[in-house]
C-alpha atoms as a PDB file:
ATOM      1  CA  MET A   1     115.185 128.830 107.368  1.00  0.00           C
ATOM      2  CA  LEU A   2     115.139 125.049 107.721  1.00  0.00           C
ATOM      3  CA  LYS A   3     114.502 125.372 111.448  1.00  0.00           C
ATOM      4  CA  SER A   4     111.553 127.679 110.826  1.00  0.00           C
ATOM      5  CA  LEU A   5     110.198 125.319 108.181  1.00  0.00           C
ATOM      6  CA  ARG A   6     110.487 122.318 110.467  1.00  0.00           C
ATOM      7  CA  ARG A   7     108.912 124.228 113.346  1.00  0.00           C
ATOM      8  CA  TRP A   8     105.976 125.148 111.119  1.00  0.00           C
ATOM      9  CA  ALA A   9     105.572 121.543 109.933  1.00  0.00           C
ATOM     10  CA  HIS A  10     105.824 120.177 113.485  1.00  0.00           C
ATOM     11  CA  SER A  11     102.968 122.453 114.522  1.00  0.00           C
ATOM     12  CA  HIS A  12     100.818 120.153 112.372  1.00  0.00           C
ATOM     13  CA  THR A  13     102.452 116.800 113.120  1.00  0.00           C
ATOM     14  CA  ARG A  14     102.160 117.399 116.882  1.00  0.00           C
ATOM     15  CA  GLU A  15      98.397 117.332 116.394  1.00  0.00           C
ATOM     16  CA  GLY A  16      98.498 113.998 114.583  1.00  0.00           C
ATOM     17  CA  ARG A  17      98.175 115.599 111.133  1.00  0.00           C
ATOM     18  CA  TYR A  18     100.473 115.687 108.147  1.00  0.00           C
ATOM     19  CA  SER A  19     101.867 119.067 107.207  1.00  0.00           C
ATOM     20  CA  PRO A  20     100.230 120.913 104.284  1.00  0.00           C
ATOM     21  CA  VAL A  21     103.328 120.103 102.217  1.00  0.00           C
ATOM     22  CA  GLY A  22     102.951 116.404 102.979  1.00  0.00           C
ATOM     23  CA  VAL A  23      99.246 116.547 102.154  1.00  0.00           C
ATOM     24  CA  ALA A  24      99.980 118.307  98.859  1.00  0.00           C
ATOM     25  CA  PHE A  25     102.563 115.673  97.938  1.00  0.00           C
ATOM     26  CA  HIS A  26     100.156 112.854  98.766  1.00  0.00           C
ATOM     27  CA  TRP A  27      97.140 114.033  96.789  1.00  0.00           C
ATOM     28  CA  THR A  28      99.094 115.424  93.839  1.00  0.00           C
ATOM     29  CA  MET A  29     100.930 112.152  93.408  1.00  0.00           C
ATOM     30  CA  ALA A  30      97.751 110.133  93.935  1.00  0.00           C
ATOM     31  CA  ALA A  31      96.096 112.033  91.078  1.00  0.00           C
ATOM     32  CA  LEU A  32      99.139 111.566  88.836  1.00  0.00           C
ATOM     33  CA  ILE A  33      99.301 107.836  89.582  1.00  0.00           C
ATOM     34  CA  LEU A  34      95.637 107.321  88.719  1.00  0.00           C
ATOM     35  CA  PHE A  35      96.135 109.326  85.538  1.00  0.00           C
ATOM     36  CA  GLN A  36      99.171 107.228  84.594  1.00  0.00           C
ATOM     37  CA  LEU A  37      97.333 103.961  85.122  1.00  0.00           C
ATOM     38  CA  TRP A  38      94.466 105.101  82.931  1.00  0.00           C
ATOM     39  CA  TRP A  39      96.714 106.731  80.325  1.00  0.00           C
ATOM     40  CA  GLY A  40      98.986 103.698  80.140  1.00  0.00           C
ATOM     41  CA  TRP A  41      95.976 101.429  79.583  1.00  0.00           C
ATOM     42  CA  ARG A  42      94.625 103.809  76.928  1.00  0.00           C
ATOM     43  CA  THR A  43      97.984 104.052  75.181  1.00  0.00           C
ATOM     44  CA  GLY A  44      98.355 100.289  75.037  1.00  0.00           C
ATOM     45  CA  HIS A  45      95.069 100.031  73.126  1.00  0.00           C
ATOM     46  CA  LEU A  46      95.939 102.653  70.507  1.00  0.00           C
ATOM     47  CA  PRO A  47      96.928 101.454  67.030  1.00  0.00           C
ATOM     48  CA  VAL A  48     100.578 101.766  66.079  1.00  0.00           C
ATOM     49  CA  GLY A  49     101.231 105.218  64.691  1.00  0.00           C
ATOM     50  CA  ALA A  50     101.870 108.852  65.523  1.00  0.00           C
ATOM     51  CA  ASP A  51      99.066 109.039  68.098  1.00  0.00           C
ATOM     52  CA  LYS A  52     100.470 106.085  70.015  1.00  0.00           C
ATOM     53  CA  LEU A  53     103.973 107.567  70.009  1.00  0.00           C
ATOM     54  CA  GLN A  54     102.648 110.912  71.235  1.00  0.00           C
ATOM     55  CA  ALA A  55     100.694 109.152  73.980  1.00  0.00           C
ATOM     56  CA  TYR A  56     103.849 107.348  75.100  1.00  0.00           C
ATOM     57  CA  GLU A  57     105.643 110.693  75.220  1.00  0.00           C
ATOM     58  CA  VAL A  58     102.978 112.083  77.551  1.00  0.00           C
ATOM     59  CA  HIS A  59     103.245 108.920  79.642  1.00  0.00           C
ATOM     60  CA  SER A  60     107.008 109.367  79.959  1.00  0.00           C
ATOM     61  CA  GLN A  61     106.711 113.062  80.812  1.00  0.00           C
ATOM     62  CA  VAL A  62     104.271 112.401  83.645  1.00  0.00           C
ATOM     63  CA  GLY A  63     106.319 109.417  84.799  1.00  0.00           C
ATOM     64  CA  LEU A  64     109.453 111.527  85.138  1.00  0.00           C
ATOM     65  CA  LEU A  65     107.417 114.133  87.013  1.00  0.00           C
ATOM     66  CA  ILE A  66     106.372 111.402  89.454  1.00  0.00           C
ATOM     67  CA  LEU A  67     110.026 110.411  89.849  1.00  0.00           C
ATOM     68  CA  VAL A  68     111.018 113.987  90.706  1.00  0.00           C
ATOM     69  CA  LEU A  69     108.093 114.373  93.117  1.00  0.00           C
ATOM     70  CA  THR A  70     108.899 111.049  94.777  1.00  0.00           C
ATOM     71  CA  LEU A  71     112.491 112.103  95.409  1.00  0.00           C
ATOM     72  CA  ALA A  72     111.294 115.479  96.705  1.00  0.00           C
ATOM     73  CA  ARG A  73     108.753 113.770  98.946  1.00  0.00           C
ATOM     74  CA  MET A  74     111.419 111.454 100.349  1.00  0.00           C
ATOM     75  CA  PHE A  75     113.595 114.478 101.127  1.00  0.00           C
ATOM     76  CA  TRP A  76     110.662 116.211 102.820  1.00  0.00           C
ATOM     77  CA  ARG A  77     109.840 113.081 104.807  1.00  0.00           C
ATOM     78  CA  ALA A  78     113.453 112.873 106.008  1.00  0.00           C
ATOM     79  CA  LEU A  79     113.324 116.546 106.958  1.00  0.00           C
ATOM     80  CA  VAL A  80     109.906 116.380 108.627  1.00  0.00           C
ATOM     81  CA  PRO A  81     108.794 112.875 109.704  1.00  0.00           C
ATOM     82  CA  GLY A  82     105.086 112.183 109.572  1.00  0.00           C
ATOM     83  CA  PRO A  83     102.860 112.388 112.638  1.00  0.00           C
ATOM     84  CA  ILE A  84     102.540 109.688 115.248  1.00  0.00           C
ATOM     85  CA  ASN A  85      98.929 108.570 114.984  1.00  0.00           C
ATOM     86  CA  ASP A  86      96.740 105.523 115.478  1.00  0.00           C
ATOM     87  CA  ALA A  87      98.451 103.701 112.607  1.00  0.00           C
ATOM     88  CA  ASP A  88     101.544 103.504 114.843  1.00  0.00           C
ATOM     89  CA  LYS A  89      99.851 101.434 117.531  1.00  0.00           C
ATOM     90  CA  PRO A  90     101.690  98.119 118.062  1.00  0.00           C
ATOM     91  CA  GLY A  91     100.301  95.181 116.129  1.00  0.00           C
ATOM     92  CA  TRP A  92     100.160  93.539 112.742  1.00  0.00           C
ATOM     93  CA  GLN A  93      98.207  96.403 111.186  1.00  0.00           C
ATOM     94  CA  SER A  94     101.013  98.833 111.947  1.00  0.00           C
ATOM     95  CA  VAL A  95     103.575  96.451 110.446  1.00  0.00           C
ATOM     96  CA  ALA A  96     101.407  95.980 107.352  1.00  0.00           C
ATOM     97  CA  ALA A  97     100.958  99.744 106.987  1.00  0.00           C
ATOM     98  CA  HIS A  98     104.699 100.378 107.094  1.00  0.00           C
ATOM     99  CA  LEU A  99     105.454  97.543 104.662  1.00  0.00           C
ATOM    100  CA  THR A 100     102.837  98.893 102.256  1.00  0.00           C
ATOM    101  CA  HIS A 101     104.330 102.356 102.626  1.00  0.00           C
ATOM    102  CA  PHE A 102     107.766 101.112 101.592  1.00  0.00           C
ATOM    103  CA  ALA A 103     106.249  99.063  98.760  1.00  0.00           C
ATOM    104  CA  PHE A 104     104.540 102.180  97.414  1.00  0.00           C
ATOM    105  CA  TYR A 105     107.855 104.007  97.360  1.00  0.00           C
ATOM    106  CA  ALA A 106     109.433 101.055  95.541  1.00  0.00           C
ATOM    107  CA  CYS A 107     106.731 101.299  92.870  1.00  0.00           C
ATOM    108  CA  LEU A 108     106.934 105.085  92.639  1.00  0.00           C
ATOM    109  CA  LEU A 109     110.661 104.789  92.000  1.00  0.00           C
ATOM    110  CA  GLY A 110     110.663 101.559  90.010  1.00  0.00           C
ATOM    111  CA  LEU A 111     107.996 102.533  87.497  1.00  0.00           C
ATOM    112  CA  PRO A 112     109.621 105.720  86.164  1.00  0.00           C
ATOM    113  CA  LEU A 113     113.121 104.241  86.388  1.00  0.00           C
ATOM    114  CA  SER A 114     112.134 101.195  84.335  1.00  0.00           C
ATOM    115  CA  GLY A 115     110.330 103.435  81.850  1.00  0.00           C
ATOM    116  CA  TRP A 116     113.408 105.639  81.631  1.00  0.00           C
ATOM    117  CA  ALA A 117     115.503 102.555  80.885  1.00  0.00           C
ATOM    118  CA  MET A 118     113.123 101.474  78.103  1.00  0.00           C
ATOM    119  CA  TRP A 119     113.265 104.862  76.397  1.00  0.00           C
ATOM    120  CA  SER A 120     117.036 105.083  76.769  1.00  0.00           C
ATOM    121  CA  ALA A 121     117.568 101.608  75.317  1.00  0.00           C
ATOM    122  CA  THR A 122     115.394 101.693  72.208  1.00  0.00           C
ATOM    123  CA  ALA A 123     114.044 105.218  71.653  1.00  0.00           C
ATOM    124  CA  ARG A 124     117.048 107.489  72.024  1.00  0.00           C
ATOM    125  CA  GLU A 125     115.902 109.614  69.093  1.00  0.00           C
ATOM    126  CA  GLN A 126     112.940 110.752  71.208  1.00  0.00           C
ATOM    127  CA  ASP A 127     113.619 113.605  73.615  1.00  0.00           C
ATOM    128  CA  LEU A 128     112.674 113.172  77.256  1.00  0.00           C
ATOM    129  CA  SER A 129     111.342 115.859  79.564  1.00  0.00           C
ATOM    130  CA  VAL A 130     109.698 116.337  82.938  1.00  0.00           C
ATOM    131  CA  ALA A 131     106.063 117.272  82.313  1.00  0.00           C
ATOM    132  CA  GLY A 132     107.053 118.596  78.893  1.00  0.00           C
ATOM    133  CA  VAL A 133     108.897 121.499  80.546  1.00  0.00           C
ATOM    134  CA  ALA A 134     112.356 120.528  81.823  1.00  0.00           C
ATOM    135  CA  PRO A 135     114.655 118.468  79.548  1.00  0.00           C
ATOM    136  CA  TRP A 136     115.709 115.082  80.906  1.00  0.00           C
ATOM    137  CA  PRO A 137     118.746 113.083  79.727  1.00  0.00           C
ATOM    138  CA  HIS A 138     118.760 109.526  78.480  1.00  0.00           C
ATOM    139  CA  LEU A 139     120.668 106.890  80.394  1.00  0.00           C
ATOM    140  CA  PRO A 140     124.233 106.431  79.048  1.00  0.00           C
ATOM    141  CA  PHE A 141     123.572 103.455  76.790  1.00  0.00           C
ATOM    142  CA  GLU A 142     125.213 104.891  73.645  1.00  0.00           C
ATOM    143  CA  GLU A 143     128.120 102.465  73.544  1.00  0.00           C
ATOM    144  CA  LEU A 144     126.099  99.319  74.183  1.00  0.00           C
ATOM    145  CA  ALA A 145     125.603  96.758  71.431  1.00  0.00           C
ATOM    146  CA  PRO A 146     122.082  96.425  69.954  1.00  0.00           C
ATOM    147  CA  PRO A 147     121.470  92.914  71.378  1.00  0.00           C
ATOM    148  CA  LEU A 148     122.249  94.189  74.865  1.00  0.00           C
ATOM    149  CA  LEU A 149     119.991  97.198  74.344  1.00  0.00           C
ATOM    150  CA  TRP A 150     117.102  94.939  73.398  1.00  0.00           C
ATOM    151  CA  THR A 151     117.795  92.798  76.468  1.00  0.00           C
ATOM    152  CA  ILE A 152     117.703  95.885  78.683  1.00  0.00           C
ATOM    153  CA  GLU A 153     114.480  97.025  77.042  1.00  0.00           C
ATOM    154  CA  ALA A 154     112.828  93.624  77.547  1.00  0.00           C
ATOM    155  CA  TRP A 155     113.963  93.404  81.174  1.00  0.00           C
ATOM    156  CA  ALA A 156     112.829  96.962  81.911  1.00  0.00           C
ATOM    157  CA  GLU A 157     109.440  96.298  80.313  1.00  0.00           C
ATOM    158  CA  GLN A 158     108.922  93.211  82.472  1.00  0.00           C
ATOM    159  CA  MET A 159     109.857  95.137  85.603  1.00  0.00           C
ATOM    160  CA  HIS A 160     107.541  97.963  84.555  1.00  0.00           C
ATOM    161  CA  TRP A 161     104.586  95.598  84.314  1.00  0.00           C
ATOM    162  CA  LEU A 162     105.440  93.945  87.627  1.00  0.00           C
ATOM    163  CA  PHE A 163     105.417  97.334  89.333  1.00  0.00           C
ATOM    164  CA  VAL A 164     102.086  98.159  87.662  1.00  0.00           C
ATOM    165  CA  VAL A 165     100.559  94.913  88.945  1.00  0.00           C
ATOM    166  CA  ALA A 166     101.935  95.552  92.433  1.00  0.00           C
ATOM    167  CA  LEU A 167     100.494  99.065  92.397  1.00  0.00           C
ATOM    168  CA  LEU A 168      97.091  97.819  91.251  1.00  0.00           C
ATOM    169  CA  LEU A 169      97.074  95.306  94.107  1.00  0.00           C
ATOM    170  CA  MET A 170      98.122  97.817  96.754  1.00  0.00           C
ATOM    171  CA  LEU A 171      95.822 100.685  95.806  1.00  0.00           C
ATOM    172  CA  PRO A 172      92.549  99.018  96.893  1.00  0.00           C
ATOM    173  CA  LEU A 173      94.247  97.767 100.065  1.00  0.00           C
ATOM    174  CA  HIS A 174      95.477 101.268 100.851  1.00  0.00           C
ATOM    175  CA  ILE A 175      92.106 102.882 100.161  1.00  0.00           C
ATOM    176  CA  GLY A 176      90.254 100.169 102.048  1.00  0.00           C
ATOM    177  CA  ALA A 177      92.536 100.535 105.065  1.00  0.00           C
ATOM    178  CA  ALA A 178      91.998 104.306 105.122  1.00  0.00           C
ATOM    179  CA  ILE A 179      88.219 103.830 105.022  1.00  0.00           C
ATOM    180  CA  LYS A 180      88.420 101.193 107.768  1.00  0.00           C
ATOM    181  CA  HIS A 181      90.401 103.557 109.996  1.00  0.00           C
ATOM    182  CA  GLU A 182      87.724 106.218 109.635  1.00  0.00           C
ATOM    183  CA  LEU A 183      84.478 104.235 109.620  1.00  0.00           C
ATOM    184  CA  VAL A 184      85.320 101.150 111.686  1.00  0.00           C
ATOM    185  CA  ASP A 185      88.215 102.047 113.974  1.00  0.00           C
ATOM    186  CA  ARG A 186      87.098 105.698 114.104  1.00  0.00           C
ATOM    187  CA  ASP A 187      90.641 106.881 114.721  1.00  0.00           C
ATOM    188  CA  ASP A 188      92.686 109.803 113.406  1.00  0.00           C
ATOM    189  CA  VAL A 189      94.593 108.249 110.487  1.00  0.00           C
ATOM    190  CA  LEU A 190      92.465 109.506 107.596  1.00  0.00           C
ATOM    191  CA  LYS A 191      91.849 112.818 109.307  1.00  0.00           C
ATOM    192  CA  GLY A 192      95.594 113.370 109.437  1.00  0.00           C
ATOM    193  CA  MET A 193      95.665 113.458 105.643  1.00  0.00           C
ATOM    194  CA  LEU A 194      92.381 115.371 105.282  1.00  0.00           C
ATOM    195  CA  PRO A 195      92.672 118.584 107.316  1.00  0.00           C
ATOM    196  CA  GLY A 196      89.202 119.670 106.261  1.00  0.00           C
ATOM    197  CA  LEU A 197      87.731 116.630 107.980  1.00  0.00           C
ATOM    198  CA  GLU A 198      88.996 117.859 111.322  1.00  0.00           C
ATOM    199  CA  ARG A 199      87.149 121.147 110.900  1.00  0.00           C
ATOM    200  CA  VAL A 200      83.940 119.257 110.183  1.00  0.00           C
ATOM    201  CA  GLU A 201      84.393 117.168 113.314  1.00  0.00           C
ATOM    202  CA  ARG A 202      84.865 120.273 115.397  1.00  0.00           C
ATOM    203  CA  LEU A 203      81.651 121.707 114.008  1.00  0.00           C
ATOM    204  CA  VAL A 204      79.637 118.628 114.909  1.00  0.00           C
ATOM    205  CA  GLY A 205      81.270 118.502 118.327  1.00  0.00           C
ATOM    206  CA  ARG A 206      82.958 115.122 118.204  1.00  0.00           C
ATOM    207  CA  ALA A 207      85.013 114.652 121.368  1.00  0.00           C
ATOM    208  CA  PRO A 208      88.805 114.230 121.016  1.00  0.00           C
ATOM    209  CA  ARG A 209      89.862 110.621 120.859  1.00  0.00           C
ATOM    210  CA  ARG A 210      91.650 109.121 123.840  1.00  0.00           C
ATOM    211  CA  ILE A 211      94.356 107.604 121.686  1.00  0.00           C
ATOM    212  CA  ARG A 212      95.403 111.037 120.431  1.00  0.00           C
ATOM    213  CA  GLN A 213      95.738 112.273 123.995  1.00  0.00           C
ATOM    214  CA  GLU A 214      97.939 109.300 124.788  1.00  0.00           C
ATOM    215  CA  LEU A 215     100.156 109.796 121.754  1.00  0.00           C
ATOM    216  CA  ARG A 216     100.471 113.597 121.909  1.00  0.00           C
ATOM    217  CA  PRO A 217     103.289 113.578 124.534  1.00  0.00           C
ATOM    218  CA  ARG A 218     105.236 111.236 122.261  1.00  0.00           C
ATOM    219  CA  CYS A 219     104.751 113.622 119.340  1.00  0.00           C
ATOM    220  CA  GLN A 220     106.000 116.553 121.389  1.00  0.00           C
ATOM    221  CA  SER A 221     109.032 114.700 122.711  1.00  0.00           C
ATOM    222  CA  SER A 222     109.998 113.466 119.234  1.00  0.00           C
ATOM    223  CA  ALA A 223     109.670 116.976 117.801  1.00  0.00           C
ATOM    224  CA  ASP A 224     111.851 118.441 120.562  1.00  0.00           C
END
């Protein structure tokens, strides 16, 4: 089954596109991240009370969902590497793209993990769940002394905010780079994550790009 799944995914990556599973991961998580940023800002401005606590519960539920999806996406990426496209051309832009990619994963793991630590340290009476559906355990902090719990909570909160700031800095860079690839470089990076864009290009008769022709043998050899 895994061989069939990988063969199906490679039929997309050979063409310089991400597989439909990879595309689904990307856009689902992008929507959840934007929601979390807005919801976290909204929650922080609510007055102390039941509404604020309920908002934090929603924030934690979505955060744990992002953690699960991130781990699943990492497994999928290990199973089916992404396509070789114009972002892999030698140069500083390729290095920057890969560093940003790893930094995104650090944020996608660090944010829910630090939030999980905060809840486990000072709000153990509140149940945790993934998207309000699947129960999620607290971290094993039961035997820790209260001063240490407050230290963990303070440290986790600081890390949480650092990851938020890092994410806010990287998002416009990531979006701007994707737009640059499409409008300035006119290469296949954005199209690889937007399969519908390729159909539009075929309709308007845009000729295949030379760089894709050069990289396609590398894609085929890596898949084999």
